[in-house]
All heavy atoms as atom14 arrays in JSON, in Angstrom:
{
  "sequence": "SLKPEDTAVYHCAARNPGQRLSTSAKSYDYDYWGQG",
  "atom14_mask": [
    [1, 1, 1, 1, 1, 1, 0, 0, 0, 0, 0, 0, 0, 0],
    [1, 1, 1, 1, 1, 1, 1, 1, 0, 0, 0, 0, 0, 0],
    [1, 1, 1, 1, 1, 1, 1, 1, 1, 0, 0, 0, 0, 0],
    [1, 1, 1, 1, 1, 1, 1, 0, 0, 0, 0, 0, 0, 0],
    [1, 1, 1, 1, 1, 1, 1, 1, 1, 0, 0, 0, 0, 0],
    [1, 1, 1, 1, 1, 1, 1, 1, 0, 0, 0, 0, 0, 0],
    [1, 1, 1, 1, 1, 1, 1, 0, 0, 0, 0, 0, 0, 0],
    [1, 1, 1, 1, 1, 0, 0, 0, 0, 0, 0, 0, 0, 0],
    [1, 1, 1, 1, 1, 1, 1, 0, 0, 0, 0, 0, 0, 0],
    [1, 1, 1, 1, 1, 1, 1, 1, 1, 1, 1, 1, 0, 0],
    [1, 1, 1, 1, 1, 1, 1, 1, 1, 1, 0, 0, 0, 0],
    [1, 1, 1, 1, 1, 1, 0, 0, 0, 0, 0, 0, 0, 0],
    [1, 1, 1, 1, 1, 0, 0, 0, 0, 0, 0, 0, 0, 0],
    [1, 1, 1, 1, 1, 0, 0, 0, 0, 0, 0, 0, 0, 0],
    [1, 1, 1, 1, 1, 1, 1, 1, 1, 1, 1, 0, 0, 0],
    [1, 1, 1, 1, 1, 1, 1, 1, 0, 0, 0, 0, 0, 0],
    [1, 1, 1, 1, 1, 1, 1, 0, 0, 0, 0, 0, 0, 0],
    [1, 1, 1, 1, 0, 0, 0, 0, 0, 0, 0, 0, 0, 0],
    [1, 1, 1, 1, 1, 1, 1, 1, 1, 0, 0, 0, 0, 0],
    [1, 1, 1, 1, 1, 1, 1, 1, 1, 1, 1, 0, 0, 0],
    [1, 1, 1, 1, 1, 1, 1, 1, 0, 0, 0, 0, 0, 0],
    [1, 1, 1, 1, 1, 1, 0, 0, 0, 0, 0, 0, 0, 0],
    [1, 1, 1, 1, 1, 1, 1, 0, 0, 0, 0, 0, 0, 0],
    [1, 1, 1, 1, 1, 1, 0, 0, 0, 0, 0, 0, 0, 0],
    [1, 1, 1, 1, 1, 0, 0, 0, 0, 0, 0, 0, 0, 0],
    [1, 1, 1, 1, 1, 1, 1, 1, 1, 0, 0, 0, 0, 0],
    [1, 1, 1, 1, 1, 1, 0, 0, 0, 0, 0, 0, 0, 0],
    [1, 1, 1, 1, 1, 1, 1, 1, 1, 1, 1, 1, 0, 0],
    [1, 1, 1, 1, 1, 1, 1, 1, 0, 0, 0, 0, 0, 0],
    [1, 1, 1, 1, 1, 1, 1, 1, 1, 1, 1, 1, 0, 0],
    [1, 1, 1, 1, 1, 1, 1, 1, 0, 0, 0, 0, 0, 0],
    [1, 1, 1, 1, 1, 1, 1, 1, 1, 1, 1, 1, 0, 0],
    [1, 1, 1, 1, 1, 1, 1, 1, 1, 1, 1, 1, 1, 1],
    [1, 1, 1, 1, 0, 0, 0, 0, 0, 0, 0, 0, 0, 0],
    [1, 1, 1, 1, 1, 1, 1, 1, 1, 0, 0, 0, 0, 0],
    [1, 1, 1, 1, 0, 0, 0, 0, 0, 0, 0, 0, 0, 0]
  ],
  "atom14_positions": [
    [[0.83, -1.21, 0.0], [0.0, 0.0, 0.0], [0.86, 1.26, 0.0], [0.64, 2.19, 0.78], [-0.94, -0.01, 1.22], [-1.76, -1.15, 1.22], [0.0, 0.0, 0.0], [0.0, 0.0, 0.0], [0.0, 0.0, 0.0], [0.0, 0.0, 0.0], [0.0, 0.0, 0.0], [0.0, 0.0, 0.0], [0.0, 0.0, 0.0], [0.0, 0.0, 0.0]],
    [[1.83, 1.28, -0.87], [2.77, 2.4, -0.91], [2.09, 3.7, -1.27], [1.14, 3.73, -2.07], [3.91, 2.1, -1.87], [4.95, 1.11, -1.31], [5.78, 0.52, -2.44], [5.85, 1.81, -0.3], [0.0, 0.0, 0.0], [0.0, 0.0, 0.0], [0.0, 0.0, 0.0], [0.0, 0.0, 0.0], [0.0, 0.0, 0.0], [0.0, 0.0, 0.0]],
    [[2.61, 4.78, -0.69], [2.07, 6.11, -0.91], [3.18, 7.01, -1.46], [4.37, 6.74, -1.23], [1.58, 6.7, 0.42], [0.55, 5.84, 1.14], [0.21, 6.43, 2.5], [-0.79, 5.56, 3.24], [-1.12, 6.12, 4.59], [0.0, 0.0, 0.0], [0.0, 0.0, 0.0], [0.0, 0.0, 0.0], [0.0, 0.0, 0.0], [0.0, 0.0, 0.0]],
    [[2.83, 8.08, -2.14], [3.88, 8.99, -2.65], [4.8, 9.5, -1.54], [6.0, 9.7, -1.79], [3.06, 10.13, -3.26], [1.8, 9.47, -3.71], [1.5, 8.45, -2.64], [0.0, 0.0, 0.0], [0.0, 0.0, 0.0], [0.0, 0.0, 0.0], [0.0, 0.0, 0.0], [0.0, 0.0, 0.0], [0.0, 0.0, 0.0], [0.0, 0.0, 0.0]],
    [[4.29, 9.68, -0.35], [5.13, 10.15, 0.75], [6.13, 9.1, 1.25], [6.98, 9.41, 2.08], [4.26, 10.64, 1.93], [3.2, 9.66, 2.36], [1.83, 9.97, 1.75], [1.78, 10.26, 0.54], [0.83, 9.87, 2.49], [0.0, 0.0, 0.0], [0.0, 0.0, 0.0], [0.0, 0.0, 0.0], [0.0, 0.0, 0.0], [0.0, 0.0, 0.0]],
    [[6.06, 7.89, 0.72], [7.06, 6.86, 1.04], [8.3, 7.01, 0.15], [9.29, 6.29, 0.36], [6.48, 5.46, 0.86], [5.37, 5.15, 1.86], [5.53, 5.52, 3.05], [4.37, 4.53, 1.45], [0.0, 0.0, 0.0], [0.0, 0.0, 0.0], [0.0, 0.0, 0.0], [0.0, 0.0, 0.0], [0.0, 0.0, 0.0], [0.0, 0.0, 0.0]],
    [[8.24, 7.89, -0.81], [9.37, 8.11, -1.71], [10.59, 8.58, -0.93], [10.52, 9.58, -0.2], [9.02, 9.13, -2.79], [7.98, 8.6, -3.62], [10.22, 9.47, -3.64], [0.0, 0.0, 0.0], [0.0, 0.0, 0.0], [0.0, 0.0, 0.0], [0.0, 0.0, 0.0], [0.0, 0.0, 0.0], [0.0, 0.0, 0.0], [0.0, 0.0, 0.0]],
    [[11.7, 7.85, -1.07], [12.92, 8.17, -0.32], [14.0, 7.16, -0.7], [13.73, 6.17, -1.38], [12.67, 8.09, 1.19], [0.0, 0.0, 0.0], [0.0, 0.0, 0.0], [0.0, 0.0, 0.0], [0.0, 0.0, 0.0], [0.0, 0.0, 0.0], [0.0, 0.0, 0.0], [0.0, 0.0, 0.0], [0.0, 0.0, 0.0], [0.0, 0.0, 0.0]],
    [[15.21, 7.43, -0.24], [16.27, 6.43, -0.27], [16.18, 5.64, 1.03], [16.18, 6.24, 2.12], [17.65, 7.08, -0.42], [18.74, 6.01, -0.36], [17.74, 7.85, -1.73], [0.0, 0.0, 0.0], [0.0, 0.0, 0.0], [0.0, 0.0, 0.0], [0.0, 0.0, 0.0], [0.0, 0.0, 0.0], [0.0, 0.0, 0.0], [0.0, 0.0, 0.0]],
    [[16.11, 4.33, 0.92], [15.96, 3.47, 2.08], [17.31, 2.82, 2.4], [17.94, 2.23, 1.53], [14.91, 2.4, 1.81], [13.5, 2.92, 1.89], [13.02, 3.8, 0.93], [12.67, 2.57, 2.94], [11.73, 4.32, 1.02], [11.37, 3.06, 3.03], [10.93, 3.94, 2.07], [9.63, 4.44, 2.16], [0.0, 0.0, 0.0], [0.0, 0.0, 0.0]],
    [[17.7, 2.94, 3.67], [18.96, 2.39, 4.14], [18.69, 1.33, 5.21], [17.83, 1.54, 6.07], [19.83, 3.47, 4.77], [20.21, 4.57, 3.86], [21.39, 4.57, 3.13], [19.58, 5.73, 3.55], [21.46, 5.68, 2.42], [20.39, 6.4, 2.65], [0.0, 0.0, 0.0], [0.0, 0.0, 0.0], [0.0, 0.0, 0.0], [0.0, 0.0, 0.0]],
    [[19.45, 0.25, 5.15], [19.41, -0.67, 6.28], [20.63, -0.39, 7.16], [21.63, 0.18, 6.71], [19.38, -2.12, 5.85], [20.87, -2.74, 5.04], [0.0, 0.0, 0.0], [0.0, 0.0, 0.0], [0.0, 0.0, 0.0], [0.0, 0.0, 0.0], [0.0, 0.0, 0.0], [0.0, 0.0, 0.0], [0.0, 0.0, 0.0], [0.0, 0.0, 0.0]],
    [[20.5, -0.77, 8.41], [21.56, -0.51, 9.38], [21.63, -1.65, 10.39], [20.62, -2.28, 10.69], [21.3, 0.81, 10.1], [0.0, 0.0, 0.0], [0.0, 0.0, 0.0], [0.0, 0.0, 0.0], [0.0, 0.0, 0.0], [0.0, 0.0, 0.0], [0.0, 0.0, 0.0], [0.0, 0.0, 0.0], [0.0, 0.0, 0.0], [0.0, 0.0, 0.0]],
    [[22.84, -1.88, 10.89], [23.07, -2.95, 11.86], [23.57, -2.38, 13.17], [24.4, -1.47, 13.2], [24.1, -3.94, 11.3], [0.0, 0.0, 0.0], [0.0, 0.0, 0.0], [0.0, 0.0, 0.0], [0.0, 0.0, 0.0], [0.0, 0.0, 0.0], [0.0, 0.0, 0.0], [0.0, 0.0, 0.0], [0.0, 0.0, 0.0], [0.0, 0.0, 0.0]],
    [[23.06, -2.94, 14.25], [23.38, -2.46, 15.58], [23.77, -3.65, 16.44], [23.08, -4.66, 16.44], [22.17, -1.75, 16.17], [22.24, -1.45, 17.64], [20.99, -0.7, 18.05], [20.93, -0.55, 19.5], [20.1, -1.24, 20.28], [19.25, -2.1, 19.74], [20.11, -1.06, 21.58], [0.0, 0.0, 0.0], [0.0, 0.0, 0.0], [0.0, 0.0, 0.0]],
    [[24.88, -3.5, 17.13], [25.33, -4.57, 18.02], [24.72, -4.32, 19.4], [25.25, -3.53, 20.17], [26.85, -4.58, 18.09], [27.37, -5.88, 18.66], [26.61, -6.67, 19.22], [28.66, -6.11, 18.53], [0.0, 0.0, 0.0], [0.0, 0.0, 0.0], [0.0, 0.0, 0.0], [0.0, 0.0, 0.0], [0.0, 0.0, 0.0], [0.0, 0.0, 0.0]],
    [[23.6, -4.96, 19.68], [22.88, -4.65, 20.91], [23.42, -5.4, 22.11], [24.04, -6.42, 21.98], [21.46, -5.1, 20.57], [21.68, -6.31, 19.72], [22.94, -6.02, 18.92], [0.0, 0.0, 0.0], [0.0, 0.0, 0.0], [0.0, 0.0, 0.0], [0.0, 0.0, 0.0], [0.0, 0.0, 0.0], [0.0, 0.0, 0.0], [0.0, 0.0, 0.0]],
    [[23.15, -4.86, 23.27], [23.52, -5.54, 24.49], [22.58, -6.67, 24.82], [22.96, -7.65, 25.45], [0.0, 0.0, 0.0], [0.0, 0.0, 0.0], [0.0, 0.0, 0.0], [0.0, 0.0, 0.0], [0.0, 0.0, 0.0], [0.0, 0.0, 0.0], [0.0, 0.0, 0.0], [0.0, 0.0, 0.0], [0.0, 0.0, 0.0], [0.0, 0.0, 0.0]],
    [[21.31, -6.54, 24.36], [20.31, -7.56, 24.67], [19.73, -8.08, 23.37], [19.5, -7.33, 22.44], [19.21, -6.97, 25.54], [19.7, -6.46, 26.88], [18.58, -5.84, 27.68], [17.44, -5.8, 27.23], [18.9, -5.35, 28.86], [0.0, 0.0, 0.0], [0.0, 0.0, 0.0], [0.0, 0.0, 0.0], [0.0, 0.0, 0.0], [0.0, 0.0, 0.0]],
    [[19.48, -9.36, 23.31], [19.04, -9.98, 22.07], [17.62, -9.62, 21.7], [17.22, -9.8, 20.55], [19.16, -11.5, 22.15], [18.3, -12.15, 23.22], [18.47, -13.65, 23.19], [17.6, -14.31, 24.17], [17.4, -15.62, 24.19], [18.0, -16.4, 23.32], [16.6, -16.15, 25.09], [0.0, 0.0, 0.0], [0.0, 0.0, 0.0], [0.0, 0.0, 0.0]],
    [[16.81, -9.09, 22.61], [15.44, -8.72, 22.31], [15.3, -7.23, 22.01], [14.21, -6.74, 21.79], [14.52, -9.1, 23.47], [14.45, -10.57, 23.82], [13.5, -10.78, 24.99], [14.02, -11.4, 22.62], [0.0, 0.0, 0.0], [0.0, 0.0, 0.0], [0.0, 0.0, 0.0], [0.0, 0.0, 0.0], [0.0, 0.0, 0.0], [0.0, 0.0, 0.0]],
    [[16.42, -6.52, 21.99], [16.4, -5.07, 21.87], [16.21, -4.6, 20.44], [16.73, -5.21, 19.49], [17.71, -4.51, 22.43], [17.81, -3.13, 22.19], [0.0, 0.0, 0.0], [0.0, 0.0, 0.0], [0.0, 0.0, 0.0], [0.0, 0.0, 0.0], [0.0, 0.0, 0.0], [0.0, 0.0, 0.0], [0.0, 0.0, 0.0], [0.0, 0.0, 0.0]],
    [[15.45, -3.52, 20.28], [15.37, -2.8, 19.01], [15.63, -1.33, 19.3], [15.56, -0.9, 20.45], [14.0, -2.94, 18.34], [12.99, -2.37, 19.21], [13.65, -4.39, 18.06], [0.0, 0.0, 0.0], [0.0, 0.0, 0.0], [0.0, 0.0, 0.0], [0.0, 0.0, 0.0], [0.0, 0.0, 0.0], [0.0, 0.0, 0.0], [0.0, 0.0, 0.0]],
    [[15.9, -0.57, 18.26], [16.1, 0.86, 18.43], [15.59, 1.63, 17.24], [15.76, 1.19, 16.09], [17.58, 1.19, 18.64], [17.77, 2.58, 18.72], [0.0, 0.0, 0.0], [0.0, 0.0, 0.0], [0.0, 0.0, 0.0], [0.0, 0.0, 0.0], [0.0, 0.0, 0.0], [0.0, 0.0, 0.0], [0.0, 0.0, 0.0], [0.0, 0.0, 0.0]],
    [[14.95, 2.77, 17.5], [14.5, 3.67, 16.45], [15.45, 4.84, 16.27], [15.16, 5.76, 15.5], [13.1, 4.17, 16.78], [0.0, 0.0, 0.0], [0.0, 0.0, 0.0], [0.0, 0.0, 0.0], [0.0, 0.0, 0.0], [0.0, 0.0, 0.0], [0.0, 0.0, 0.0], [0.0, 0.0, 0.0], [0.0, 0.0, 0.0], [0.0, 0.0, 0.0]],
    [[16.57, 4.83, 16.99], [17.52, 5.94, 16.96], [18.67, 5.63, 16.03], [19.39, 4.64, 16.21], [18.06, 6.19, 18.37], [16.98, 6.43, 19.42], [16.16, 7.66, 19.12], [15.16, 7.92, 20.26], [14.29, 9.08, 19.94], [0.0, 0.0, 0.0], [0.0, 0.0, 0.0], [0.0, 0.0, 0.0], [0.0, 0.0, 0.0], [0.0, 0.0, 0.0]],
    [[18.88, 6.48, 15.03], [19.92, 6.21, 14.04], [21.3, 6.19, 14.69], [22.17, 5.42, 14.26], [19.88, 7.24, 12.92], [20.08, 8.55, 13.43], [0.0, 0.0, 0.0], [0.0, 0.0, 0.0], [0.0, 0.0, 0.0], [0.0, 0.0, 0.0], [0.0, 0.0, 0.0], [0.0, 0.0, 0.0], [0.0, 0.0, 0.0], [0.0, 0.0, 0.0]],
    [[21.51, 6.95, 15.73], [22.84, 6.99, 16.35], [23.18, 5.7, 17.11], [24.31, 5.51, 17.52], [23.0, 8.2, 17.25], [21.95, 8.37, 18.33], [21.9, 7.53, 19.45], [21.0, 9.38, 18.24], [20.94, 7.69, 20.42], [20.02, 9.55, 19.22], [20.0, 8.7, 20.31], [19.04, 8.85, 21.28], [0.0, 0.0, 0.0], [0.0, 0.0, 0.0]],
    [[22.21, 4.83, 17.29], [22.47, 3.55, 17.94], [23.09, 2.53, 16.99], [23.58, 1.5, 17.42], [21.18, 2.95, 18.51], [20.81, 3.54, 19.86], [21.7, 4.09, 20.54], [19.62, 3.45, 20.23], [0.0, 0.0, 0.0], [0.0, 0.0, 0.0], [0.0, 0.0, 0.0], [0.0, 0.0, 0.0], [0.0, 0.0, 0.0], [0.0, 0.0, 0.0]],
    [[23.03, 2.82, 15.69], [23.47, 1.85, 14.69], [24.92, 2.06, 14.3], [25.38, 3.2, 14.16], [22.55, 1.9, 13.47], [21.18, 1.34, 13.8], [20.23, 2.13, 14.43], [20.86, 0.02, 13.51], [18.98, 1.61, 14.77], [19.62, -0.51, 13.83], [18.69, 0.3, 14.47], [17.46, -0.22, 14.79], [0.0, 0.0, 0.0], [0.0, 0.0, 0.0]],
    [[25.61, 0.93, 14.09], [27.04, 0.97, 13.84], [27.42, 0.87, 12.38], [28.47, 1.37, 11.97], [27.7, -0.19, 14.6], [27.38, -0.16, 16.09], [27.8, 0.83, 16.73], [26.73, -1.09, 16.6], [0.0, 0.0, 0.0], [0.0, 0.0, 0.0], [0.0, 0.0, 0.0], [0.0, 0.0, 0.0], [0.0, 0.0, 0.0], [0.0, 0.0, 0.0]],
    [[26.6, 0.21, 11.59], [26.93, -0.02, 10.18], [25.72, 0.32, 9.31], [24.58, 0.04, 9.68], [27.33, -1.49, 9.95], [28.47, -1.93, 10.82], [28.24, -2.68, 11.97], [29.78, -1.57, 10.52], [29.29, -3.08, 12.78], [30.83, -1.97, 11.33], [30.57, -2.72, 12.46], [31.61, -3.09, 13.26], [0.0, 0.0, 0.0], [0.0, 0.0, 0.0]],
    [[26.03, 0.9, 8.15], [24.97, 1.36, 7.25], [25.26, 0.92, 5.82], [26.4, 0.85, 5.39], [24.88, 2.89, 7.27], [24.4, 3.42, 8.57], [25.14, 3.62, 9.7], [23.07, 3.82, 8.89], [24.34, 4.11, 10.71], [23.06, 4.25, 10.23], [21.88, 3.86, 8.17], [21.91, 4.72, 10.87], [20.73, 4.32, 8.8], [20.75, 4.74, 10.13]],
    [[24.18, 0.64, 5.08], [24.3, 0.4, 3.66], [24.19, 1.69, 2.89], [23.89, 2.75, 3.45], [0.0, 0.0, 0.0], [0.0, 0.0, 0.0], [0.0, 0.0, 0.0], [0.0, 0.0, 0.0], [0.0, 0.0, 0.0], [0.0, 0.0, 0.0], [0.0, 0.0, 0.0], [0.0, 0.0, 0.0], [0.0, 0.0, 0.0], [0.0, 0.0, 0.0]],
    [[24.44, 1.6, 1.59], [24.43, 2.79, 0.73], [23.03, 3.26, 0.37], [22.84, 4.42, -0.01], [25.23, 2.52, -0.55], [26.71, 2.34, -0.32], [27.34, 3.6, 0.27], [27.18, 4.68, -0.26], [28.06, 3.44, 1.37], [0.0, 0.0, 0.0], [0.0, 0.0, 0.0], [0.0, 0.0, 0.0], [0.0, 0.0, 0.0], [0.0, 0.0, 0.0]],
    [[22.07, 2.36, 0.46], [20.69, 2.76, 0.21], [20.17, 2.31, -1.14], [20.93, 2.04, -2.07], [0.0, 0.0, 0.0], [0.0, 0.0, 0.0], [0.0, 0.0, 0.0], [0.0, 0.0, 0.0], [0.0, 0.0, 0.0], [0.0, 0.0, 0.0], [0.0, 0.0, 0.0], [0.0, 0.0, 0.0], [0.0, 0.0, 0.0], [0.0, 0.0, 0.0]]
  ]
}
């Protein structure tokens, strides 16, 4: 159900978390990034 406002460059990122159930919405928490 994509919308025009979804238009963007999408990047994936990897974060080495302290806990295996952890997620983060903060970009500064992530250590590695793809080019998009």
